[in-house]
Structures are given as structure tokens and as C-alpha cells.
Amino acid sequence: MADTATSAPAGLPEHPSPRAAGCPFDPPPALRSLQTDRPVSRVQIWDGSRPWLITRHEDVRTLLNDPRVSADATRDGYPHRSAAMQGSDPASQTFLTMDDPEHARLRRMVTAPFAIKKIEALRPSIQKIVDDLVDTLLAGPKPVDLVEAFALPVPSLVICELLGVPYEKHDFFQRNTRIIVRRTSTPEEVAAANAALIDYMDDLLADKLARPADDLLSVLATERVATGELTRREAARLGNLLLAAGHETTANMIALGTLALLRNPGQLALLRETEDPEVVAGAVEELLRYLNITHSGRRRVALEDIEAGGETIRAGEGIIFANDVANRDPAAFPGPDRLDLTRNARRHVAFGYGVHQCLGQPLARVELQVVYGTLYRRIPTLATAIPFDEIEFKHDGIVYGVYKLPVTW
């Protein structure tokens, strides 16, 4: 049964909780206290409900892989991130918030283009995109906002090419995606942004049906919609998910990772001075572990009673997996609050774990490897152009990052 206000002690910590002043890269102190004292514990979220928060690395991996834990956002007890998400039309669900077999059926339709070998084949074109943008930076005025001039264009150009979306529409889809991932957006704002994006994707699929090209939307149109396996609207929702997830997360990781490296010059030097692809790949994993831009946690609901961390999570009770503090668990990563690009961080849970782990992680990894392996070597004197305490962080977003990052060289 779902949790009620009387099923947990009073005075519960609120989730999400604030980060410490001056420590924007670190998880909130309240999460660290819970991880130490009560690693499986109740928290209170925006609607007054009291889901369980899982904070230890091993518990997160174990429970995310447990078939008794459901990702279905339509189930009673599911801990929605906001009123807008709670009020969304169940028909607009994507495979992110579905269970098997429907989750697996839809996910399989778009898995092939994200296979590691196919993504690796894109590395030269991703390198060209990054080099061209760096050329533009170097030829243009400074200071410049690295978010608008580089961090957003890199993944946007890549995902547009992969999907077959015209890049000239980037202002439209970036603006609407920002509304969707902002926790403070109203249900009406999110519904309007979603509708605009899906309407656009629906029209684009109609064009692909008439004039297919060598892109993922054309494959969806000709192999799934034309055969009746998906309606055009279902395919539009699927394409919209890939478009939004394919640029928003990586863009924030590029900008926030750059800022973290600039604040850790010794680590930046290690990355700037190497041409070893294994060193760069390891640095990407450590930055993913250290920063955790998906900082609002992964949301689930229990299908059966589950024993975890000395507590009993009852069937119908919500669960939040705090991947940010799980990736700072000293039991998994010694000295977890230290950014160490030489660390083996591959067991991080930045991309989730289990059957719902991020489909696009091979693409994100290659994009970040190319960016982190190129930007600081080509602009070795890169520096922030404003004081650190004037940089505005996305505390109100489902995806964490910075709104702007003025840089110079």
C-alpha cells in the first residue's frame, strides 16, 4: 500500500535538500549524514509523501536491479519529481517510466544506433564538430559563454545528425526542453512544451515517411510506423525522448565538468597534457562519478515488501535512489570527495543500473571523451571570466549544471 503521513516519524528531512554554500560540486550535507547514519530512510518530498531514500552505492546497485522494484510512474506510491510530472498524461509515458515487457519492446526499437561499435564509428564526425566549434571560439570575441557557444551545440549537433532533426531548430527544442526539466515549471507549462515538441516530431516523422533518409527517425517511420507497430504519435514521443535526453544531460556535463577542472588545476593539467585515450576515458568516468548531474535521484516504487539496510520497504511505497551521494560512498570510492582522474571509477551509477540504465551512455561517453580530450589542449589558457561565486548553478533543475559559464583565454 502507498505511504501515508502517519507511517513515518515526524521531522523527516526534505528531499531534495540544499547543497552547502560554496560547495556546488558536492551532494547536500543532509544526504551524507543519512548515508552514514540511516542509509535507507524516509524523506519528505514536495507533495508531502514520504518515500524511501537509498544512499549507499551497493544498495543502489542491488535494488535498481531488483525485479520487485518498478519504474512505472502510473503506479500508486510512485514519488514524482514535481506537480508537473505527477499531472502528466499517462498516455505520454516513455519507456523510462515503464516496466517490462513494454519497456523492453520500446527500448529495443532504438537500441541499435546506440551500440558501442556504431557510436565509435561516429567518433570522427564528433571530433570534427568539436574542432569546428573550438575554431569558432578562437576566432570570435572573448569572454564568451561556454554553455551557449560550445557545451550546448556539441551534443545538439550530434543528436540532430543521429536522429535526422534539422539543427536550425535547436533554439526551439532547447527552450522547450529547459521548461520540461525545470522543477519549478507549472503543469501547464510542461504540458505545452511537451505538446510543442511532440507535434514537431510528429510532423518530422510524416516527412520521413514520404522521404526517408539515413537517420534514426527514418528507421522509426519506415520500420515501425509504416508497419503498424507504432502509431506516429508513439514514435514522436520516442523521438522526443531521445532528442531531449541526447543534448540536455551531456551539455550540462560539458560545462560543469569544465568548471570543476578549472577549480582543480592539477587534475586539469593531467588531462590537458595527455594524448592517451585510456587516460581521457578514465577521466570521463571520474567526472561522471564526481559531478552527478542527474541529482534528483532515480524514482521507483516497490511491488513487494523488500528488506534493505535494516528497514522494510512495503509494497506500494516509493523509493528514490540518490545516485549523487551513492557515487560519493567511501565504501565504494576511497576519498570520494576528491576529484582524482587516475581513479578507476567505472562502477559509478551516474547512468543508473540494471535494465533501465541509460540507453545513450555510449554516445555520452564518446562525446565527453572528445570534448575533454580536445578543448583544454587546444585552449590551454582557458579560464573563467567572472568570480566563482557569481556563477549561477541549476539548483532548480532535474538536471544539474550551470546556466552560463563565461570564459576567456
Protein backbone atom coordinates (compact mmCIF):
# COMPACT_ATOMS: atom_id res chain seq x y z
CA MET A 1 0.00 0.00 0.00
CA ALA A 2 1.09 3.58 -0.54
CA ASP A 3 2.76 5.54 2.24
CA THR A 4 0.63 7.83 4.39
CA ALA A 5 1.52 10.77 6.55
CA THR A 6 1.29 8.65 9.71
CA SER A 7 3.60 5.85 8.57
CA ALA A 8 6.87 7.66 9.23
CA PRO A 9 8.27 9.72 12.11
CA ALA A 10 7.82 13.46 12.17
CA GLY A 11 10.64 15.81 11.33
CA LEU A 12 11.83 13.93 8.27
CA PRO A 13 14.47 15.55 6.08
CA GLU A 14 13.17 17.14 2.92
CA HIS A 15 14.30 15.89 -0.46
CA PRO A 16 15.87 17.42 -2.40
CA SER A 17 17.87 19.22 0.26
CA PRO A 18 20.17 22.21 -0.31
CA ARG A 19 23.85 21.94 -1.07
CA ALA A 20 26.32 23.59 1.27
CA ALA A 21 27.24 27.18 0.47
CA GLY A 22 30.45 27.31 -1.50
CA CYS A 23 30.38 23.57 -2.31
CA PRO A 24 28.34 23.37 -5.54
CA PHE A 25 30.03 20.16 -6.75
CA ASP A 26 29.24 18.17 -3.60
CA PRO A 27 25.96 16.43 -2.66
CA PRO A 28 23.88 18.07 0.08
CA PRO A 29 25.30 17.54 3.59
CA ALA A 30 21.96 16.04 4.70
CA LEU A 31 22.50 13.17 2.26
CA ARG A 32 25.94 12.48 3.64
CA SER A 33 24.53 12.32 7.15
CA LEU A 34 21.84 9.87 6.05
CA GLN A 35 24.38 7.71 4.24
CA THR A 36 26.39 7.42 7.45
CA ASP A 37 23.58 7.08 9.99
CA ARG A 38 20.49 5.79 8.17
CA PRO A 39 21.38 4.69 4.63
CA VAL A 40 17.81 3.51 3.97
CA SER A 41 15.49 6.13 5.41
CA ARG A 42 12.30 8.09 4.87
CA VAL A 43 12.36 11.58 3.39
CA GLN A 44 9.59 14.03 2.62
CA ILE A 45 9.13 15.35 -0.91
CA TRP A 46 7.24 18.27 -2.44
CA ASP A 47 3.74 16.75 -2.18
CA GLY A 48 4.09 15.68 1.47
CA SER A 49 4.59 12.00 0.65
CA ARG A 50 7.38 10.08 2.36
CA PRO A 51 9.26 7.74 0.05
CA TRP A 52 12.40 5.83 0.99
CA LEU A 53 15.80 7.28 0.09
CA ILE A 54 18.62 4.85 -0.76
CA THR A 55 22.05 6.42 -0.29
CA ARG A 56 24.71 3.67 -0.28
CA HIS A 57 26.34 2.61 -3.52
CA GLU A 58 25.87 -1.13 -3.12
CA ASP A 59 22.23 -0.77 -2.04
CA VAL A 60 21.53 1.43 -5.08
CA ARG A 61 23.01 -1.12 -7.49
CA THR A 62 21.27 -4.05 -5.79
CA LEU A 63 17.81 -2.50 -5.65
CA LEU A 64 17.89 -0.94 -9.12
CA ASN A 65 18.48 -4.46 -10.40
CA ASP A 66 15.69 -5.98 -8.26
CA PRO A 67 12.57 -7.12 -10.20
CA ARG A 68 10.44 -6.23 -7.17
CA VAL A 69 11.20 -2.55 -7.87
CA SER A 70 9.04 -0.87 -10.54
CA ALA A 71 9.78 2.14 -12.74
CA ASP A 72 6.10 2.53 -13.70
CA ALA A 73 5.17 6.15 -12.95
CA THR A 74 1.44 5.39 -13.14
CA ARG A 75 1.51 3.18 -10.02
CA ASP A 76 0.23 4.47 -6.70
CA GLY A 77 3.08 5.48 -4.45
CA TYR A 78 5.47 6.48 -7.24
CA PRO A 79 7.48 9.51 -5.98
CA HIS A 80 7.08 12.07 -8.75
CA ARG A 81 9.67 14.83 -9.03
CA SER A 82 7.16 17.65 -9.36
CA ALA A 83 3.50 18.53 -9.73
CA ALA A 84 4.01 18.81 -13.48
CA MET A 85 5.28 15.25 -13.70
CA GLN A 86 2.61 13.90 -11.39
CA GLY A 87 -0.08 15.52 -13.52
CA SER A 88 1.26 14.38 -16.88
CA ASP A 89 -0.95 12.33 -19.20
CA PRO A 90 -0.30 8.59 -18.66
CA ALA A 91 -0.51 8.19 -22.46
CA SER A 92 2.61 10.34 -22.75
CA GLN A 93 4.80 7.87 -20.87
CA THR A 94 8.09 6.78 -22.41
CA PHE A 95 9.97 3.56 -21.75
CA LEU A 96 11.91 5.35 -18.99
CA THR A 97 8.89 5.01 -16.73
CA MET A 98 7.61 1.63 -17.88
CA ASP A 99 8.28 -1.93 -16.79
CA ASP A 100 8.95 -4.94 -18.97
CA PRO A 101 7.68 -6.22 -21.31
CA GLU A 102 6.55 -2.83 -22.70
CA HIS A 103 9.78 -1.15 -21.59
CA ALA A 104 11.90 -3.74 -23.38
CA ARG A 105 9.71 -3.68 -26.51
CA LEU A 106 10.03 0.07 -26.99
CA ARG A 107 13.66 0.28 -25.94
CA ARG A 108 14.67 -2.40 -28.45
CA MET A 109 13.32 -0.22 -31.27
CA VAL A 110 16.04 2.38 -30.70
CA THR A 111 18.88 0.33 -29.22
CA ALA A 112 20.84 -0.49 -32.39
CA PRO A 113 22.08 3.05 -33.24
CA PHE A 114 23.49 3.38 -29.69
CA ALA A 115 25.54 0.17 -29.80
CA ILE A 116 29.16 0.78 -28.88
CA LYS A 117 30.58 -0.11 -32.32
CA LYS A 118 28.14 2.21 -34.10
CA ILE A 119 28.85 5.06 -31.71
CA GLU A 120 32.61 4.56 -32.08
CA ALA A 121 32.14 4.90 -35.84
CA LEU A 122 30.75 8.40 -35.15
CA ARG A 123 33.90 9.50 -33.31
CA PRO A 124 35.50 11.22 -36.35
CA SER A 125 32.36 13.24 -37.06
CA ILE A 126 32.05 14.17 -33.36
CA GLN A 127 35.71 15.22 -33.40
CA LYS A 128 35.03 17.45 -36.41
CA ILE A 129 32.06 19.07 -34.67
CA VAL A 130 34.20 19.79 -31.59
CA ASP A 131 37.15 21.08 -33.63
CA ASP A 132 34.92 23.36 -35.70
CA LEU A 133 33.32 24.83 -32.58
CA VAL A 134 36.73 25.39 -30.98
CA ASP A 135 37.87 27.11 -34.18
CA THR A 136 34.84 29.40 -33.92
CA LEU A 137 35.60 30.13 -30.27
CA LEU A 138 39.21 31.04 -31.02
CA ALA A 139 38.20 33.28 -33.93
CA GLY A 140 35.47 35.08 -32.03
CA PRO A 141 35.25 37.65 -29.24
CA LYS A 142 36.00 36.92 -25.62
CA PRO A 143 34.84 36.46 -22.98
CA VAL A 144 32.22 34.07 -24.28
CA ASP A 145 29.55 31.94 -22.62
CA LEU A 146 30.85 28.39 -22.98
CA VAL A 147 27.34 26.98 -22.46
CA GLU A 148 25.80 28.70 -25.49
CA ALA A 149 28.88 28.71 -27.68
CA PHE A 150 30.12 25.17 -27.08
CA ALA A 151 28.54 22.95 -24.42
CA LEU A 152 25.01 23.05 -25.88
CA PRO A 153 25.96 22.93 -29.57
CA VAL A 154 28.19 19.84 -29.30
CA PRO A 155 25.55 17.29 -28.19
CA SER A 156 22.77 19.11 -30.03
CA LEU A 157 24.59 18.84 -33.36
CA VAL A 158 25.42 15.18 -32.70
CA ILE A 159 21.92 14.07 -31.69
CA CYS A 160 20.35 16.06 -34.55
CA GLU A 161 22.60 14.26 -37.03
CA LEU A 162 21.84 10.87 -35.46
CA LEU A 163 18.07 11.38 -35.35
CA GLY A 164 17.67 13.40 -38.54
CA VAL A 165 16.42 16.58 -36.86
CA PRO A 166 17.37 19.89 -38.55
CA TYR A 167 19.86 21.66 -36.26
CA GLU A 168 18.40 25.03 -37.20
CA LYS A 169 15.51 24.12 -34.86
CA HIS A 170 17.87 23.96 -31.87
CA ASP A 171 16.55 27.14 -30.22
CA PHE A 172 13.04 25.65 -30.30
CA PHE A 173 13.86 22.27 -28.82
CA GLN A 174 16.42 23.56 -26.31
CA ARG A 175 13.97 26.17 -24.99
CA ASN A 176 11.15 23.67 -24.54
CA THR A 177 13.43 21.06 -23.00
CA ARG A 178 14.57 23.60 -20.42
CA ILE A 179 10.95 24.11 -19.39
CA ILE A 180 10.40 20.37 -19.01
CA VAL A 181 13.48 19.73 -16.84
CA ARG A 182 12.89 22.69 -14.52
CA ARG A 183 11.30 21.52 -11.28
CA THR A 184 9.52 24.85 -10.80
CA SER A 185 7.68 24.73 -14.15
CA THR A 186 3.91 24.53 -13.81
CA PRO A 187 1.95 21.54 -15.12
CA GLU A 188 0.53 23.81 -17.82
CA GLU A 189 3.99 24.98 -18.93
CA VAL A 190 5.34 21.43 -19.12
CA ALA A 191 2.27 20.17 -20.96
CA ALA A 192 2.57 22.98 -23.52
CA ALA A 193 6.30 22.38 -24.01
CA ASN A 194 5.79 18.62 -24.42
CA ALA A 195 2.94 19.15 -26.87
CA ALA A 196 5.00 21.56 -28.97
CA LEU A 197 7.92 19.15 -29.16
CA ILE A 198 5.80 16.09 -29.95
CA ASP A 199 3.78 17.99 -32.58
CA TYR A 200 7.04 18.99 -34.24
CA MET A 201 8.41 15.44 -34.09
CA ASP A 202 5.11 14.10 -35.48
CA ASP A 203 5.38 16.42 -38.48
CA LEU A 204 9.01 15.42 -38.97
CA LEU A 205 8.06 11.73 -38.96
CA ALA A 206 5.46 12.41 -41.65
CA ASP A 207 8.25 13.87 -43.77
CA LYS A 208 10.44 10.84 -43.07
CA LEU A 209 7.65 8.51 -44.17
CA ALA A 210 7.46 10.34 -47.50
CA ARG A 211 11.20 10.92 -47.92
CA PRO A 212 13.22 8.57 -45.71
CA ALA A 213 16.91 9.30 -45.14
CA ASP A 214 19.79 7.62 -43.33
CA ASP A 215 18.78 8.51 -39.77
CA LEU A 216 17.01 7.04 -36.75
CA LEU A 217 13.70 8.86 -37.26
CA SER A 218 13.53 7.46 -40.80
CA VAL A 219 14.06 3.96 -39.40
CA LEU A 220 11.26 4.51 -36.88
CA ALA A 221 8.99 5.84 -39.61
CA THR A 222 9.60 3.13 -42.20
CA GLU A 223 10.15 0.10 -39.98
CA ARG A 224 7.83 0.81 -37.05
CA VAL A 225 5.15 3.32 -38.07
CA ALA A 226 4.62 2.11 -41.65
CA THR A 227 4.26 -1.46 -40.42
CA GLY A 228 1.72 -0.51 -37.75
CA GLU A 229 3.97 -1.49 -34.85
CA LEU A 230 3.87 2.09 -33.57
CA THR A 231 1.48 4.93 -34.20
CA ARG A 232 3.12 8.10 -35.48
CA ARG A 233 2.34 9.77 -32.15
CA GLU A 234 4.05 6.97 -30.21
CA ALA A 235 7.10 7.26 -32.46
CA ALA A 236 7.05 11.04 -31.95
CA ARG A 237 7.19 10.59 -28.16
CA LEU A 238 10.08 8.17 -28.56
CA GLY A 239 11.97 10.54 -30.84
CA ASN A 240 11.33 13.44 -28.50
CA LEU A 241 12.75 11.48 -25.55
CA LEU A 242 15.95 10.75 -27.48
CA LEU A 243 16.27 14.35 -28.65
CA ALA A 244 15.85 15.82 -25.16
CA ALA A 245 18.00 13.27 -23.34
CA GLY A 246 20.59 13.40 -26.11
CA HIS A 247 21.52 17.03 -25.61
CA GLU A 248 20.44 18.31 -22.18
CA THR A 249 22.45 15.96 -19.97
CA THR A 250 25.69 15.99 -21.96
CA ALA A 251 25.60 19.77 -22.37
CA ASN A 252 25.42 20.22 -18.61
CA MET A 253 28.20 17.68 -18.11
CA ILE A 254 30.49 19.52 -20.54
CA ALA A 255 30.03 22.89 -18.81
CA LEU A 256 30.03 21.64 -15.22
CA GLY A 257 32.96 19.32 -15.89
CA THR A 258 34.95 22.19 -17.36
CA LEU A 259 34.24 24.33 -14.31
CA ALA A 260 35.23 21.51 -11.94
CA LEU A 261 38.50 21.05 -13.80
CA LEU A 262 39.25 24.77 -13.76
CA ARG A 263 38.77 24.64 -9.98
CA ASN A 264 41.19 21.69 -9.81
CA PRO A 265 44.17 22.85 -11.90
CA GLY A 266 46.34 19.87 -11.03
CA GLN A 267 43.74 17.48 -12.41
CA LEU A 268 43.14 19.69 -15.43
CA ALA A 269 46.88 19.55 -16.19
CA LEU A 270 46.77 15.74 -16.20
CA LEU A 271 44.03 15.81 -18.80
CA ARG A 272 45.40 18.71 -20.86
CA GLU A 273 48.85 17.17 -21.19
CA THR A 274 47.87 13.65 -22.24
CA GLU A 275 47.06 12.18 -25.62
CA ASP A 276 46.42 8.72 -24.19
CA PRO A 277 42.78 7.80 -24.97
CA GLU A 278 42.64 5.48 -21.95
CA VAL A 279 43.60 8.32 -19.63
CA VAL A 280 40.92 10.53 -21.18
CA ALA A 281 38.31 7.76 -20.92
CA GLY A 282 39.17 7.25 -17.25
CA ALA A 283 38.89 10.98 -16.62
CA VAL A 284 35.39 10.96 -18.11
CA GLU A 285 34.29 8.20 -15.72
CA GLU A 286 35.69 10.05 -12.72
CA LEU A 287 34.00 13.31 -13.70
CA LEU A 288 30.70 11.45 -14.16
CA ARG A 289 31.11 9.96 -10.67
CA TYR A 290 32.18 13.20 -9.06
CA LEU A 291 29.56 15.52 -10.54
CA ASN A 292 26.34 13.51 -10.89
CA ILE A 293 24.26 15.93 -12.91
CA THR A 294 21.14 13.72 -12.53
CA HIS A 295 21.00 14.94 -8.95
CA SER A 296 17.31 14.47 -8.14
CA GLY A 297 17.63 10.68 -7.97
CA ARG A 298 16.04 7.82 -9.85
CA ARG A 299 12.43 7.17 -8.89
CA ARG A 300 10.78 3.78 -8.34
CA VAL A 301 8.00 2.07 -6.35
CA ALA A 302 8.09 -1.27 -4.54
CA LEU A 303 5.96 -4.12 -5.95
CA GLU A 304 6.52 -6.35 -2.90
CA ASP A 305 7.87 -5.95 0.60
CA ILE A 306 11.67 -5.58 0.43
CA GLU A 307 14.24 -5.75 3.22
CA ALA A 308 17.06 -3.24 2.77
CA GLY A 309 19.51 -1.62 5.16
CA GLY A 310 17.68 -2.98 8.20
CA GLU A 311 14.36 -1.48 7.05
CA THR A 312 11.27 -2.94 5.40
CA ILE A 313 10.08 -1.13 2.29
CA ARG A 314 6.43 -2.12 1.89
CA ALA A 315 4.70 -2.87 -1.39
CA GLY A 316 3.35 0.37 -2.86
CA GLU A 317 5.89 2.63 -1.18
CA GLY A 318 8.02 4.99 -3.23
CA ILE A 319 11.79 4.74 -3.50
CA ILE A 320 14.34 7.37 -4.52
CA PHE A 321 17.86 6.28 -5.42
CA ALA A 322 20.29 9.07 -4.52
CA ASN A 323 22.92 8.36 -7.15
CA ASP A 324 24.79 11.60 -6.36
CA VAL A 325 25.70 10.61 -2.81
CA ALA A 326 25.95 6.92 -3.74
CA ASN A 327 28.80 7.90 -6.05
CA ARG A 328 30.44 9.60 -3.08
CA ASP A 329 30.18 6.47 -0.89
CA PRO A 330 33.58 5.88 0.77
CA ALA A 331 32.88 2.14 0.84
CA ALA A 332 32.94 2.15 -2.96
CA PHE A 333 35.32 5.03 -3.71
CA PRO A 334 38.03 5.84 -1.12
CA GLY A 335 38.41 9.58 -0.63
CA PRO A 336 35.17 10.12 -2.55
CA ASP A 337 35.09 13.91 -2.27
CA ARG A 338 38.43 14.21 -4.06
CA LEU A 339 38.41 14.62 -7.85
CA ASP A 340 41.03 12.08 -8.95
CA LEU A 341 41.26 11.50 -12.69
CA THR A 342 43.54 8.50 -12.13
CA ARG A 343 40.89 6.65 -10.11
CA ASN A 344 39.06 3.62 -11.53
CA ALA A 345 35.51 4.98 -11.33
CA ARG A 346 33.74 2.67 -13.78
CA ARG A 347 31.39 1.26 -11.10
CA HIS A 348 29.68 4.63 -10.69
CA VAL A 349 25.90 4.83 -11.06
CA ALA A 350 25.71 8.12 -12.96
CA PHE A 351 23.92 6.27 -15.79
CA GLY A 352 21.78 4.20 -13.42
CA TYR A 353 21.99 0.44 -13.20
CA GLY A 354 20.01 -2.60 -14.30
CA VAL A 355 17.57 -2.84 -17.18
CA HIS A 356 16.78 0.89 -17.10
CA GLN A 357 20.35 2.14 -17.24
CA CYS A 358 20.86 4.97 -19.72
CA LEU A 359 20.47 3.86 -23.33
CA GLY A 360 22.63 6.71 -24.60
CA GLN A 361 25.63 6.19 -22.34
CA PRO A 362 27.97 5.03 -25.17
CA LEU A 363 27.21 8.25 -27.04
CA ALA A 364 27.64 10.43 -23.95
CA ARG A 365 30.98 8.78 -23.18
CA VAL A 366 32.39 9.33 -26.67
CA GLU A 367 31.17 12.95 -26.78
CA LEU A 368 32.75 13.69 -23.41
CA GLN A 369 35.99 11.92 -24.33
CA VAL A 370 36.29 14.01 -27.48
CA VAL A 371 35.43 17.25 -25.65
CA TYR A 372 37.64 16.70 -22.60
CA GLY A 373 40.45 15.40 -24.80
CA THR A 374 40.31 18.40 -27.15
CA LEU A 375 39.10 21.62 -25.53
CA TYR A 376 41.83 22.09 -22.91
CA ARG A 377 44.68 21.07 -25.22
CA ARG A 378 43.53 23.48 -27.91
CA ILE A 379 42.82 26.31 -25.45
CA PRO A 380 45.42 25.66 -22.72
CA THR A 381 44.88 29.04 -21.03
CA LEU A 382 41.09 28.63 -20.70
CA ALA A 383 39.84 30.37 -17.55
CA THR A 384 36.59 31.60 -16.03
CA ALA A 385 35.86 35.25 -16.82
CA ILE A 386 33.85 36.02 -13.68
CA PRO A 387 34.39 35.23 -9.99
CA PHE A 388 33.40 31.71 -8.98
CA ASP A 389 30.77 32.95 -6.51
CA GLU A 390 28.94 34.77 -9.33
CA ILE A 391 28.32 31.58 -11.33
CA GLU A 392 24.67 30.52 -11.14
CA PHE A 393 24.01 26.82 -10.69
CA LYS A 394 20.87 24.93 -11.70
CA HIS A 395 19.62 24.08 -8.23
CA ASP A 396 16.05 24.17 -9.54
CA GLY A 397 16.60 21.67 -12.33
CA ILE A 398 16.13 17.93 -12.65
CA VAL A 399 19.50 18.04 -14.41
CA TYR A 400 22.25 19.91 -12.56
CA GLY A 401 24.70 22.29 -14.18
CA VAL A 402 25.36 25.99 -14.70
CA TYR A 403 23.16 28.45 -16.55
CA LYS A 404 26.13 30.29 -18.02
CA LEU A 405 29.88 29.84 -17.92
CA PRO A 406 31.70 32.99 -19.11
CA VAL A 407 35.25 32.04 -20.10
CA THR A 408 38.31 33.69 -21.60
CA TRP A 409 41.87 32.69 -22.53
